[in-house]
């Protein structure tokens, strides 16, 4: 066998460099995603027990609701009114009260 043919046969048995790069990339992505998943699970466990939300000053305990159709009104405030606290209340029937 010619030494050149033998060298070509040895070279063809090995993986090309491009596939090695792709394999390394796949391996890095696999371990990277596994590390992220473990971190997302372990960090809350290490952080401690869940904290109670009630009684903290960080939570706004305001609740909202709805009003009936007959009690609809509009509040208007204007920078042109003489007082900063002046409020004009316009009811559904068009009557106005307050500082209009």
PDB file of N, CA and C in Angstrom:
ATOM      1  N   UNK A   1       0.853  -1.183   0.000  1.00  0.00           N
ATOM      2  CA  UNK A   1       0.000   0.000   0.000  1.00  0.00           C
ATOM      3  C   UNK A   1       0.893   1.239   0.000  1.00  0.00           C
ATOM      4  N   UNK A   2       0.501   2.168  -0.801  1.00  0.00           N
ATOM      5  CA  UNK A   2       1.244   3.411  -0.932  1.00  0.00           C
ATOM      6  C   UNK A   2       1.088   4.232   0.356  1.00  0.00           C
ATOM      7  N   UNK A   3       2.147   4.892   0.853  1.00  0.00           N
ATOM      8  CA  UNK A   3       2.020   5.705   2.085  1.00  0.00           C
ATOM      9  C   UNK A   3       0.994   6.827   1.956  1.00  0.00           C
ATOM     10  N   UNK A   4       0.824   7.367   0.762  1.00  0.00           N
ATOM     11  CA  UNK A   4      -0.174   8.433   0.561  1.00  0.00           C
ATOM     12  C   UNK A   4      -1.589   7.877   0.732  1.00  0.00           C
ATOM     13  N   UNK A   5      -1.851   6.687   0.201  1.00  0.00           N
ATOM     14  CA  UNK A   5      -3.163   6.053   0.363  1.00  0.00           C
ATOM     15  C   UNK A   5      -3.433   5.692   1.825  1.00  0.00           C
ATOM     16  N   UNK A   6      -2.381   5.226   2.496  1.00  0.00           N
ATOM     17  CA  UNK A   6      -2.532   4.891   3.920  1.00  0.00           C
ATOM     18  C   UNK A   6      -2.882   6.145   4.743  1.00  0.00           C
ATOM     19  N   UNK A   7      -2.232   7.248   4.418  1.00  0.00           N
ATOM     20  CA  UNK A   7      -2.499   8.508   5.120  1.00  0.00           C
ATOM     21  C   UNK A   7      -3.926   8.988   4.859  1.00  0.00           C
ATOM     22  N   UNK A   8      -4.406   8.845   3.634  1.00  0.00           N
ATOM     23  CA  UNK A   8      -5.783   9.233   3.307  1.00  0.00           C
ATOM     24  C   UNK A   8      -6.783   8.364   4.053  1.00  0.00           C
ATOM     25  N   UNK A   9      -6.475   7.079   4.217  1.00  0.00           N
ATOM     26  CA  UNK A   9      -7.372   6.178   4.936  1.00  0.00           C
ATOM     27  C   UNK A   9      -7.421   6.549   6.422  1.00  0.00           C
ATOM     28  N   UNK A  10      -6.274   6.866   7.014  1.00  0.00           N
ATOM     29  CA  UNK A  10      -6.241   7.271   8.421  1.00  0.00           C
ATOM     30  C   UNK A  10      -7.015   8.572   8.607  1.00  0.00           C
ATOM     31  N   UNK A  11      -6.813   9.481   7.673  1.00  0.00           N
ATOM     32  CA  UNK A  11      -7.491  10.775   7.763  1.00  0.00           C
ATOM     33  C   UNK A  11      -9.008  10.613   7.599  1.00  0.00           C
ATOM     34  N   UNK A  12      -9.477   9.727   6.757  1.00  0.00           N
ATOM     35  CA  UNK A  12     -10.908   9.545   6.539  1.00  0.00           C
ATOM     36  C   UNK A  12     -11.573   8.853   7.730  1.00  0.00           C
ATOM     37  N   UNK A  13     -10.814   8.097   8.515  1.00  0.00           N
ATOM     38  CA  UNK A  13     -11.379   7.440   9.697  1.00  0.00           C
ATOM     39  C   UNK A  13     -11.656   8.420  10.834  1.00  0.00           C
ATOM     40  N   UNK A  14     -10.952   9.518  10.860  1.00  0.00           N
ATOM     41  CA  UNK A  14     -11.136  10.521  11.925  1.00  0.00           C
ATOM     42  C   UNK A  14     -12.321  11.426  11.604  1.00  0.00           C
ATOM     43  N   UNK A  15     -12.876  12.019  12.638  1.00  0.00           N
ATOM     44  CA  UNK A  15     -13.973  12.973  12.445  1.00  0.00           C
ATOM     45  C   UNK A  15     -13.428  14.278  11.886  1.00  0.00           C
ATOM     46  N   UNK A  16     -14.135  14.903  11.003  1.00  0.00           N
ATOM     47  CA  UNK A  16     -13.674  16.212  10.518  1.00  0.00           C
ATOM     48  C   UNK A  16     -13.771  17.256  11.632  1.00  0.00           C
ATOM     49  N   UNK A  17     -12.969  18.279  11.516  1.00  0.00           N
ATOM     50  CA  UNK A  17     -12.909  19.317  12.554  1.00  0.00           C
ATOM     51  C   UNK A  17     -14.237  20.046  12.730  1.00  0.00           C
ATOM     52  N   UNK A  18     -14.994  20.191  11.672  1.00  0.00           N
ATOM     53  CA  UNK A  18     -16.276  20.900  11.772  1.00  0.00           C
ATOM     54  C   UNK A  18     -17.243  20.155  12.683  1.00  0.00           C
ATOM     55  N   UNK A  19     -17.280  18.828  12.583  1.00  0.00           N
ATOM     56  CA  UNK A  19     -18.203  18.081  13.439  1.00  0.00           C
ATOM     57  C   UNK A  19     -17.744  18.108  14.890  1.00  0.00           C
ATOM     58  N   UNK A  20     -16.429  18.215  15.121  1.00  0.00           N
ATOM     59  CA  UNK A  20     -15.944  18.352  16.500  1.00  0.00           C
ATOM     60  C   UNK A  20     -16.402  19.670  17.106  1.00  0.00           C
ATOM     61  N   UNK A  21     -16.386  20.716  16.308  1.00  0.00           N
ATOM     62  CA  UNK A  21     -16.845  22.014  16.803  1.00  0.00           C
ATOM     63  C   UNK A  21     -18.318  21.997  17.135  1.00  0.00           C
ATOM     64  N   UNK A  22     -19.116  21.356  16.304  1.00  0.00           N
ATOM     65  CA  UNK A  22     -20.551  21.253  16.545  1.00  0.00           C
ATOM     66  C   UNK A  22     -20.812  20.411  17.785  1.00  0.00           C
ATOM     67  N   UNK A  23     -20.051  19.344  17.949  1.00  0.00           N
ATOM     68  CA  UNK A  23     -20.211  18.490  19.125  1.00  0.00           C
ATOM     69  C   UNK A  23     -19.868  19.251  20.399  1.00  0.00           C
ATOM     70  N   UNK A  24     -18.807  20.045  20.357  1.00  0.00           N
ATOM     71  CA  UNK A  24     -18.427  20.844  21.520  1.00  0.00           C
ATOM     72  C   UNK A  24     -19.506  21.876  21.834  1.00  0.00           C
ATOM     73  N   UNK A  25     -20.088  22.473  20.817  1.00  0.00           N
ATOM     74  CA  UNK A  25     -21.153  23.450  21.022  1.00  0.00           C
ATOM     75  C   UNK A  25     -22.380  22.788  21.641  1.00  0.00           C
ATOM     76  N   UNK A  26     -22.742  21.625  21.141  1.00  0.00           N
ATOM     77  CA  UNK A  26     -23.888  20.904  21.697  1.00  0.00           C
ATOM     78  C   UNK A  26     -23.639  20.527  23.147  1.00  0.00           C
ATOM     79  N   UNK A  27     -22.438  20.088  23.458  1.00  0.00           N
ATOM     80  CA  UNK A  27     -22.092  19.718  24.824  1.00  0.00           C
ATOM     81  C   UNK A  27     -22.153  20.938  25.748  1.00  0.00           C
ATOM     82  N   UNK A  28     -21.651  22.076  25.284  1.00  0.00           N
ATOM     83  CA  UNK A  28     -21.694  23.302  26.087  1.00  0.00           C
ATOM     84  C   UNK A  28     -23.133  23.748  26.319  1.00  0.00           C
ATOM     85  N   UNK A  29     -23.976  23.674  25.276  1.00  0.00           N
ATOM     86  CA  UNK A  29     -25.382  24.044  25.440  1.00  0.00           C
ATOM     87  C   UNK A  29     -26.105  23.109  26.388  1.00  0.00           C
ATOM     88  N   UNK A  30     -25.783  21.823  26.334  1.00  0.00           N
ATOM     89  CA  UNK A  30     -26.413  20.851  27.226  1.00  0.00           C
ATOM     90  C   UNK A  30     -26.073  21.151  28.679  1.00  0.00           C
ATOM     91  N   UNK A  31     -24.799  21.313  28.971  1.00  0.00           N
ATOM     92  CA  UNK A  31     -24.402  21.578  30.350  1.00  0.00           C
ATOM     93  C   UNK A  31     -24.824  22.971  30.806  1.00  0.00           C
ATOM     94  N   UNK A  32     -24.831  23.927  29.904  1.00  0.00           N
ATOM     95  CA  UNK A  32     -25.284  25.276  30.268  1.00  0.00           C
ATOM     96  C   UNK A  32     -26.752  25.300  30.626  1.00  0.00           C
ATOM     97  N   UNK A  33     -27.582  24.636  29.827  1.00  0.00           N
ATOM     98  CA  UNK A  33     -29.018  24.608  30.146  1.00  0.00           C
ATOM     99  C   UNK A  33     -29.280  23.808  31.414  1.00  0.00           C
ATOM    100  N   UNK A  34     -28.519  22.751  31.652  1.00  0.00           N
ATOM    101  CA  UNK A  34     -28.670  21.992  32.902  1.00  0.00           C
ATOM    102  C   UNK A  34     -28.285  22.844  34.104  1.00  0.00           C
ATOM    103  N   UNK A  35     -27.229  23.633  33.979  1.00  0.00           N
ATOM    104  CA  UNK A  35     -26.808  24.507  35.078  1.00  0.00           C
ATOM    105  C   UNK A  35     -27.861  25.569  35.366  1.00  0.00           C
ATOM    106  N   UNK A  36     -28.463  26.130  34.338  1.00  0.00           N
ATOM    107  CA  UNK A  36     -29.519  27.138  34.529  1.00  0.00           C
ATOM    108  C   UNK A  36     -30.731  26.508  35.198  1.00  0.00           C
ATOM    109  N   UNK A  37     -31.124  25.308  34.775  1.00  0.00           N
ATOM    110  CA  UNK A  37     -32.278  24.641  35.380  1.00  0.00           C
ATOM    111  C   UNK A  37     -32.025  24.333  36.856  1.00  0.00           C
ATOM    112  N   UNK A  38     -30.838  23.855  37.162  1.00  0.00           N
ATOM    113  CA  UNK A  38     -30.513  23.565  38.565  1.00  0.00           C
ATOM    114  C   UNK A  38     -30.503  24.844  39.383  1.00  0.00           C
ATOM    115  N   UNK A  39     -29.969  25.921  38.823  1.00  0.00           N
ATOM    116  CA  UNK A  39     -29.940  27.194  39.550  1.00  0.00           C
ATOM    117  C   UNK A  39     -31.350  27.707  39.819  1.00  0.00           C
ATOM    118  N   UNK A  40     -32.245  27.553  38.855  1.00  0.00           N
ATOM    119  CA  UNK A  40     -33.620  28.017  39.052  1.00  0.00           C
ATOM    120  C   UNK A  40     -34.351  27.208  40.118  1.00  0.00           C
ATOM    121  N   UNK A  41     -33.953  25.978  40.310  1.00  0.00           N
ATOM    122  CA  UNK A  41     -34.596  25.142  41.323  1.00  0.00           C
ATOM    123  C   UNK A  41     -33.941  25.336  42.687  1.00  0.00           C
ATOM    124  N   UNK A  42     -32.608  25.392  42.721  1.00  0.00           N
ATOM    125  CA  UNK A  42     -31.900  25.438  43.997  1.00  0.00           C
ATOM    126  C   UNK A  42     -31.944  26.793  44.696  1.00  0.00           C
ATOM    127  N   UNK A  43     -31.920  27.882  43.957  1.00  0.00           N
ATOM    128  CA  UNK A  43     -31.874  29.205  44.584  1.00  0.00           C
ATOM    129  C   UNK A  43     -33.082  29.457  45.492  1.00  0.00           C
ATOM    130  N   UNK A  44     -34.322  29.194  45.076  1.00  0.00           N
ATOM    131  CA  UNK A  44     -35.437  29.397  46.004  1.00  0.00           C
ATOM    132  C   UNK A  44     -35.385  28.461  47.218  1.00  0.00           C
ATOM    133  N   UNK A  45     -34.847  27.249  47.028  1.00  0.00           N
ATOM    134  CA  UNK A  45     -34.762  26.324  48.152  1.00  0.00           C
ATOM    135  C   UNK A  45     -33.738  26.797  49.175  1.00  0.00           C
ATOM    136  N   UNK A  46     -32.619  27.332  48.714  1.00  0.00           N
ATOM    137  CA  UNK A  46     -31.565  27.804  49.605  1.00  0.00           C
ATOM    138  C   UNK A  46     -31.963  29.121  50.263  1.00  0.00           C
ATOM    139  N   UNK A  47     -32.773  29.920  49.573  1.00  0.00           N
ATOM    140  CA  UNK A  47     -33.184  31.227  50.072  1.00  0.00           C
ATOM    141  C   UNK A  47     -33.937  31.122  51.385  1.00  0.00           C
ATOM    142  N   UNK A  48     -34.641  30.075  51.625  1.00  0.00           N
ATOM    143  CA  UNK A  48     -35.353  29.892  52.879  1.00  0.00           C
ATOM    144  C   UNK A  48     -36.834  29.696  52.639  1.00  0.00           C
ATOM    145  N   UNK A  49     -37.580  29.631  53.744  1.00  0.00           N
ATOM    146  CA  UNK A  49     -39.025  29.413  53.606  1.00  0.00           C
ATOM    147  C   UNK A  49     -39.702  30.625  52.981  1.00  0.00           C
ATOM    148  N   UNK A  50     -40.843  30.414  52.360  1.00  0.00           N
ATOM    149  CA  UNK A  50     -41.555  31.540  51.749  1.00  0.00           C
ATOM    150  C   UNK A  50     -41.986  32.549  52.803  1.00  0.00           C
ATOM    151  N   UNK A  51     -41.891  33.804  52.436  1.00  0.00           N
ATOM    152  CA  UNK A  51     -42.284  34.870  53.362  1.00  0.00           C
ATOM    153  C   UNK A  51     -43.770  35.149  53.255  1.00  0.00           C
ATOM    154  N   UNK A  52     -44.368  35.518  54.362  1.00  0.00           N
ATOM    155  CA  UNK A  52     -45.790  35.845  54.371  1.00  0.00           C
ATOM    156  C   UNK A  52     -45.996  37.218  53.751  1.00  0.00           C
ATOM    157  N   UNK A  53     -46.970  37.335  52.888  1.00  0.00           N
ATOM    158  CA  UNK A  53     -47.230  38.600  52.212  1.00  0.00           C
ATOM    159  C   UNK A  53     -48.034  39.535  53.111  1.00  0.00           C
ATOM    160  N   UNK A  54     -48.940  38.991  53.893  1.00  0.00           N
ATOM    161  CA  UNK A  54     -49.795  39.814  54.747  1.00  0.00           C
ATOM    162  C   UNK A  54     -48.966  40.467  55.836  1.00  0.00           C
ATOM    163  N   UNK A  55     -49.231  41.712  56.079  1.00  0.00           N
ATOM    164  CA  UNK A  55     -48.555  42.424  57.148  1.00  0.00           C
ATOM    165  C   UNK A  55     -47.299  43.146  56.713  1.00  0.00           C
ATOM    166  N   UNK A  56     -46.907  43.035  55.480  1.00  0.00           N
ATOM    167  CA  UNK A  56     -45.728  43.767  55.018  1.00  0.00           C
ATOM    168  C   UNK A  56     -46.165  45.117  54.479  1.00  0.00           C
ATOM    169  N   UNK A  57     -45.291  46.063  54.581  1.00  0.00           N
ATOM    170  CA  UNK A  57     -45.600  47.396  54.093  1.00  0.00           C
ATOM    171  C   UNK A  57     -45.429  47.537  52.596  1.00  0.00           C
ATOM    172  N   UNK A  58     -44.928  46.506  51.929  1.00  0.00           N
ATOM    173  CA  UNK A  58     -44.663  46.582  50.497  1.00  0.00           C
ATOM    174  C   UNK A  58     -45.891  46.319  49.638  1.00  0.00           C
ATOM    175  N   UNK A  59     -46.939  45.764  50.212  1.00  0.00           N
ATOM    176  CA  UNK A  59     -48.091  45.365  49.431  1.00  0.00           C
ATOM    177  C   UNK A  59     -49.224  46.373  49.601  1.00  0.00           C
ATOM    178  N   UNK A  60     -49.763  46.833  48.499  1.00  0.00           N
ATOM    179  CA  UNK A  60     -50.899  47.735  48.522  1.00  0.00           C
ATOM    180  C   UNK A  60     -52.164  46.902  48.663  1.00  0.00           C
ATOM    181  N   UNK A  61     -52.863  47.049  49.783  1.00  0.00           N
ATOM    182  CA  UNK A  61     -54.030  46.221  50.064  1.00  0.00           C
ATOM    183  C   UNK A  61     -55.323  46.839  49.538  1.00  0.00           C
ATOM    184  N   UNK A  62     -55.239  47.830  48.650  1.00  0.00           N
ATOM    185  CA  UNK A  62     -56.431  48.467  48.102  1.00  0.00           C
ATOM    186  C   UNK A  62     -57.191  47.483  47.218  1.00  0.00           C
ATOM    187  N   UNK A  63     -58.489  47.424  47.380  1.00  0.00           N
ATOM    188  CA  UNK A  63     -59.296  46.546  46.534  1.00  0.00           C
ATOM    189  C   UNK A  63     -60.236  47.399  45.690  1.00  0.00           C
ATOM    190  N   UNK A  64     -60.623  46.859  44.564  1.00  0.00           N
ATOM    191  CA  UNK A  64     -61.485  47.601  43.648  1.00  0.00           C
ATOM    192  C   UNK A  64     -62.829  46.910  43.548  1.00  0.00           C
ATOM    193  N   UNK A  65     -63.789  47.633  43.049  1.00  0.00           N
ATOM    194  CA  UNK A  65     -65.125  47.078  42.867  1.00  0.00           C
ATOM    195  C   UNK A  65     -65.839  47.823  41.764  1.00  0.00           C
ATOM    196  N   UNK A  66     -67.101  47.539  41.606  1.00  0.00           N
ATOM    197  CA  UNK A  66     -67.872  48.217  40.574  1.00  0.00           C
ATOM    198  C   UNK A  66     -69.060  48.913  41.221  1.00  0.00           C
ATOM    199  N   UNK A  67     -69.591  49.909  40.508  1.00  0.00           N
ATOM    200  CA  UNK A  67     -70.750  50.649  40.999  1.00  0.00           C
ATOM    201  C   UNK A  67     -71.890  50.460  40.015  1.00  0.00           C
ATOM    202  N   UNK A  68     -73.091  50.641  40.513  1.00  0.00           N
ATOM    203  CA  UNK A  68     -74.260  50.477  39.641  1.00  0.00           C
ATOM    204  C   UNK A  68     -74.341  51.610  38.627  1.00  0.00           C
ATOM    205  N   UNK A  69     -75.130  51.390  37.593  1.00  0.00           N
ATOM    206  CA  UNK A  69     -75.274  52.359  36.501  1.00  0.00           C
ATOM    207  C   UNK A  69     -75.790  53.700  37.017  1.00  0.00           C
ATOM    208  N   UNK A  70     -76.710  53.721  37.950  1.00  0.00           N
ATOM    209  CA  UNK A  70     -77.324  54.968  38.425  1.00  0.00           C
ATOM    210  C   UNK A  70     -76.336  55.833  39.205  1.00  0.00           C
ATOM    211  N   UNK A  71     -75.261  55.250  39.697  1.00  0.00           N
ATOM    212  CA  UNK A  71     -74.321  56.002  40.528  1.00  0.00           C
ATOM    213  C   UNK A  71     -73.058  56.415  39.776  1.00  0.00           C
ATOM    214  N   UNK A  72     -73.091  56.406  38.466  1.00  0.00           N
ATOM    215  CA  UNK A  72     -71.911  56.813  37.704  1.00  0.00           C
ATOM    216  C   UNK A  72     -71.726  58.316  37.773  1.00  0.00           C
ATOM    217  N   UNK A  73     -70.459  58.689  37.862  1.00  0.00           N
ATOM    218  CA  UNK A  73     -70.136  60.114  37.878  1.00  0.00           C
ATOM    219  C   UNK A  73     -68.720  60.307  37.382  1.00  0.00           C
ATOM    220  N   UNK A  74     -68.405  61.561  37.061  1.00  0.00           N
ATOM    221  CA  UNK A  74     -67.076  61.917  36.585  1.00  0.00           C
ATOM    222  C   UNK A  74     -66.501  62.965  37.506  1.00  0.00           C
ATOM    223  N   UNK A  75     -65.254  62.773  37.906  1.00  0.00           N
ATOM    224  CA  UNK A  75     -64.547  63.773  38.709  1.00  0.00           C
ATOM    225  C   UNK A  75     -63.614  64.540  37.791  1.00  0.00           C
ATOM    226  N   UNK A  76     -63.720  65.874  37.861  1.00  0.00           N
ATOM    227  CA  UNK A  76     -62.833  66.700  37.044  1.00  0.00           C
ATOM    228  C   UNK A  76     -62.071  67.653  37.947  1.00  0.00           C
ATOM    229  N   UNK A  77     -60.790  67.701  37.669  1.00  0.00           N
ATOM    230  CA  UNK A  77     -59.942  68.667  38.364  1.00  0.00           C
ATOM    231  C   UNK A  77     -59.213  69.461  37.302  1.00  0.00           C
ATOM    232  N   UNK A  78     -58.965  70.720  37.580  1.00  0.00           N
ATOM    233  CA  UNK A  78     -58.318  71.557  36.590  1.00  0.00           C
ATOM    234  C   UNK A  78     -57.264  72.432  37.249  1.00  0.00           C
ATOM    235  N   UNK A  79     -56.210  72.674  36.522  1.00  0.00           N
ATOM    236  CA  UNK A  79     -55.173  73.578  37.026  1.00  0.00           C
ATOM    237  C   UNK A  79     -55.647  75.031  36.973  1.00  0.00           C
ATOM    238  N   UNK A  80     -56.737  75.279  36.258  1.00  0.00           N
ATOM    239  CA  UNK A  80     -57.244  76.639  36.128  1.00  0.00           C
ATOM    240  C   UNK A  80     -58.170  77.024  37.278  1.00  0.00           C
ATOM    241  N   UNK A  81     -58.566  76.053  38.121  1.00  0.00           N
ATOM    242  CA  UNK A  81     -59.428  76.377  39.256  1.00  0.00           C
ATOM    243  C   UNK A  81     -58.613  77.093  40.329  1.00  0.00           C
ATOM    244  N   UNK A  82     -59.277  77.904  41.138  1.00  0.00           N
ATOM    245  CA  UNK A  82     -58.544  78.717  42.110  1.00  0.00           C
ATOM    246  C   UNK A  82     -57.840  77.896  43.192  1.00  0.00           C
ATOM    247  N   UNK A  83     -58.379  76.771  43.561  1.00  0.00           N
ATOM    248  CA  UNK A  83     -57.791  75.954  44.609  1.00  0.00           C
ATOM    249  C   UNK A  83     -57.225  74.662  44.013  1.00  0.00           C
ATOM    250  N   UNK A  84     -56.131  74.180  44.585  1.00  0.00           N
ATOM    251  CA  UNK A  84     -55.541  72.931  44.104  1.00  0.00           C
ATOM    252  C   UNK A  84     -56.421  71.729  44.429  1.00  0.00           C
ATOM    253  N   UNK A  85     -57.234  71.822  45.479  1.00  0.00           N
ATOM    254  CA  UNK A  85     -58.079  70.719  45.908  1.00  0.00           C
ATOM    255  C   UNK A  85     -59.489  70.793  45.333  1.00  0.00           C
ATOM    256  N   UNK A  86     -59.758  71.726  44.426  1.00  0.00           N
ATOM    257  CA  UNK A  86     -61.098  71.891  43.869  1.00  0.00           C
ATOM    258  C   UNK A  86     -61.433  70.732  42.938  1.00  0.00           C
ATOM    259  N   UNK A  87     -62.609  70.117  43.162  1.00  0.00           N
ATOM    260  CA  UNK A  87     -63.060  68.975  42.368  1.00  0.00           C
ATOM    261  C   UNK A  87     -64.463  69.259  41.865  1.00  0.00           C
ATOM    262  N   UNK A  88     -64.696  68.990  40.588  1.00  0.00           N
ATOM    263  CA  UNK A  88     -66.021  69.136  40.000  1.00  0.00           C
ATOM    264  C   UNK A  88     -66.584  67.740  39.781  1.00  0.00           C
ATOM    265  N   UNK A  89     -67.781  67.470  40.316  1.00  0.00           N
ATOM    266  CA  UNK A  89     -68.431  66.171  40.176  1.00  0.00           C
ATOM    267  C   UNK A  89     -69.566  66.314  39.185  1.00  0.00           C
ATOM    268  N   UNK A  90     -69.531  65.540  38.110  1.00  0.00           N
ATOM    269  CA  UNK A  90     -70.574  65.560  37.090  1.00  0.00           C
ATOM    270  C   UNK A  90     -71.265  64.201  37.124  1.00  0.00           C
ATOM    271  N   UNK A  91     -72.541  64.198  37.446  1.00  0.00           N
ATOM    272  CA  UNK A  91     -73.296  62.947  37.572  1.00  0.00           C
ATOM    273  C   UNK A  91     -73.801  62.500  36.196  1.00  0.00           C
ATOM    274  N   UNK A  92     -74.341  61.280  36.136  1.00  0.00           N
ATOM    275  CA  UNK A  92     -74.786  60.691  34.878  1.00  0.00           C
ATOM    276  C   UNK A  92     -75.912  61.490  34.242  1.00  0.00           C
ATOM    277  N   UNK A  93     -76.732  62.151  35.053  1.00  0.00           N
ATOM    278  CA  UNK A  93     -77.853  62.932  34.502  1.00  0.00           C
ATOM    279  C   UNK A  93     -77.438  64.337  34.091  1.00  0.00           C
ATOM    280  N   UNK A  94     -76.144  64.693  34.267  1.00  0.00           N
ATOM    281  CA  UNK A  94     -75.641  65.992  33.840  1.00  0.00           C
ATOM    282  C   UNK A  94     -75.551  67.034  34.934  1.00  0.00           C
ATOM    283  N   UNK A  95     -76.092  66.746  36.129  1.00  0.00           N
ATOM    284  CA  UNK A  95     -75.983  67.718  37.225  1.00  0.00           C
ATOM    285  C   UNK A  95     -74.553  67.792  37.715  1.00  0.00           C
ATOM    286  N   UNK A  96     -74.184  69.011  38.114  1.00  0.00           N
ATOM    287  CA  UNK A  96     -72.811  69.249  38.585  1.00  0.00           C
ATOM    288  C   UNK A  96     -72.851  69.710  40.027  1.00  0.00           C
ATOM    289  N   UNK A  97     -71.831  69.292  40.770  1.00  0.00           N
ATOM    290  CA  UNK A  97     -71.701  69.766  42.133  1.00  0.00           C
ATOM    291  C   UNK A  97     -70.216  69.923  42.431  1.00  0.00           C
ATOM    292  N   UNK A  98     -69.911  70.593  43.511  1.00  0.00           N
ATOM    293  CA  UNK A  98     -68.522  70.840  43.861  1.00  0.00           C
ATOM    294  C   UNK A  98     -68.055  72.156  43.269  1.00  0.00           C
ATOM    295  N   UNK A  99     -66.793  72.271  42.952  1.00  0.00           N
ATOM    296  CA  UNK A  99     -66.192  73.485  42.417  1.00  0.00           C
ATOM    297  C   UNK A  99     -66.132  73.399  40.890  1.00  0.00           C
ATOM    298  N   UNK A 100     -67.285  73.606  40.232  1.00  0.00           N
ATOM    299  CA  UNK A 100     -67.327  73.490  38.775  1.00  0.00           C
ATOM    300  C   UNK A 100     -67.161  74.829  38.107  1.00  0.00           C
TER     301      UNK A 100
END
